[in-house]
Amino acid sequence: MLDIALWISIALFAASLMLNVFRLAIGPDLPDRILAVDTMYVNSIALIVLFSIQLNSKAYFEAALLIAMLGFVSTVAVCKYLLRGDIIE
């Protein structure tokens, strides 16, 4: 039962990732593209965690944590650049 639920959730998150790529490609303006990239980070973290559960390995959780930190920092930096025009004051 858990195996079937994992495969279904992996497929749904992969489909969500593809829809985010589509949104990134046709986003009408820059904030939509930033939001698409941020959502791609979240979906990639979910996929890594699901694969980790499926493989019964703890090593992938560290990779998911690293991607989460990089995603947060990069989103904040891009938003700050978008608002002010520079990242470091």
Protein backbone atom coordinates (compact mmCIF):
# COMPACT_ATOMS: atom_id res chain seq x y z
CA MET A 1 0.00 0.00 0.00
CA LEU A 2 2.82 2.43 0.87
CA ASP A 3 4.57 1.57 -2.38
CA ILE A 4 1.53 2.51 -4.44
CA ALA A 5 1.05 5.76 -2.51
CA LEU A 6 4.71 6.66 -3.02
CA TRP A 7 4.54 6.06 -6.79
CA ILE A 8 1.34 8.08 -7.09
CA SER A 9 2.77 10.98 -5.10
CA ILE A 10 6.05 10.90 -7.07
CA ALA A 11 4.07 11.03 -10.32
CA LEU A 12 1.95 13.94 -9.08
CA PHE A 13 4.95 15.93 -7.89
CA ALA A 14 6.74 15.26 -11.18
CA ALA A 15 3.67 16.52 -13.07
CA SER A 16 3.63 19.58 -10.83
CA LEU A 17 7.29 20.18 -11.61
CA MET A 18 6.55 20.01 -15.35
CA LEU A 19 3.72 22.53 -14.93
CA ASN A 20 6.14 24.83 -13.11
CA VAL A 21 8.59 24.58 -16.01
CA PHE A 22 5.73 25.53 -18.33
CA ARG A 23 4.90 28.51 -16.10
CA LEU A 24 8.55 29.51 -16.06
CA ALA A 25 8.68 29.47 -19.85
CA ILE A 26 5.50 31.48 -20.51
CA GLY A 27 5.33 33.65 -17.40
CA PRO A 28 4.17 37.10 -18.50
CA ASP A 29 6.45 39.01 -16.13
CA LEU A 30 9.38 38.54 -13.78
CA PRO A 31 7.50 37.99 -10.48
CA ASP A 32 5.61 35.08 -12.05
CA ARG A 33 8.89 33.49 -13.10
CA ILE A 34 10.40 34.01 -9.64
CA LEU A 35 7.38 32.35 -8.08
CA ALA A 36 7.67 29.44 -10.53
CA VAL A 37 11.32 28.89 -9.61
CA ASP A 38 10.51 29.06 -5.90
CA THR A 39 7.75 26.49 -6.37
CA MET A 40 10.17 24.30 -8.32
CA TYR A 41 12.46 24.30 -5.30
CA VAL A 42 9.62 23.10 -3.08
CA ASN A 43 8.62 20.39 -5.55
CA SER A 44 12.19 19.17 -5.94
CA ILE A 45 12.52 18.94 -2.16
CA ALA A 46 9.34 16.88 -2.02
CA LEU A 47 10.61 14.56 -4.76
CA ILE A 48 13.92 14.03 -2.98
CA VAL A 49 12.15 13.24 0.29
CA LEU A 50 9.81 10.81 -1.46
CA PHE A 51 12.72 9.04 -3.15
CA SER A 52 14.46 8.87 0.21
CA ILE A 53 11.42 7.23 1.77
CA GLN A 54 11.18 4.81 -1.12
CA LEU A 55 14.87 3.85 -0.95
CA ASN A 56 14.80 3.77 2.88
CA SER A 57 17.86 6.01 3.07
CA LYS A 58 18.59 8.95 5.35
CA ALA A 59 21.28 10.50 3.17
CA TYR A 60 18.82 12.24 0.86
CA PHE A 61 17.24 14.23 3.67
CA GLU A 62 20.45 16.24 4.01
CA ALA A 63 20.35 17.03 0.30
CA ALA A 64 16.74 18.17 0.66
CA LEU A 65 17.70 20.43 3.55
CA LEU A 66 20.55 21.93 1.53
CA ILE A 67 18.26 22.61 -1.43
CA ALA A 68 15.72 24.22 0.91
CA MET A 69 18.34 26.59 2.31
CA LEU A 70 19.68 27.49 -1.13
CA GLY A 71 16.16 28.02 -2.43
CA PHE A 72 15.29 30.38 0.39
CA VAL A 73 18.47 32.42 0.09
CA SER A 74 18.23 32.69 -3.69
CA THR A 75 14.57 33.72 -3.58
CA VAL A 76 15.32 36.43 -1.03
CA ALA A 77 18.30 37.67 -3.08
CA VAL A 78 16.32 37.83 -6.33
CA CYS A 79 13.40 39.60 -4.66
CA LYS A 80 15.75 42.09 -3.03
CA TYR A 81 17.40 42.73 -6.39
CA LEU A 82 14.01 43.15 -8.01
CA LEU A 83 12.88 45.71 -5.42
CA ARG A 84 16.08 47.72 -4.85
CA GLY A 85 18.27 47.10 -7.88
CA ASP A 86 21.16 45.77 -5.79
CA ILE A 87 21.63 42.87 -3.42
CA ILE A 88 24.24 44.22 -0.99
CA GLU A 89 23.81 47.73 0.33
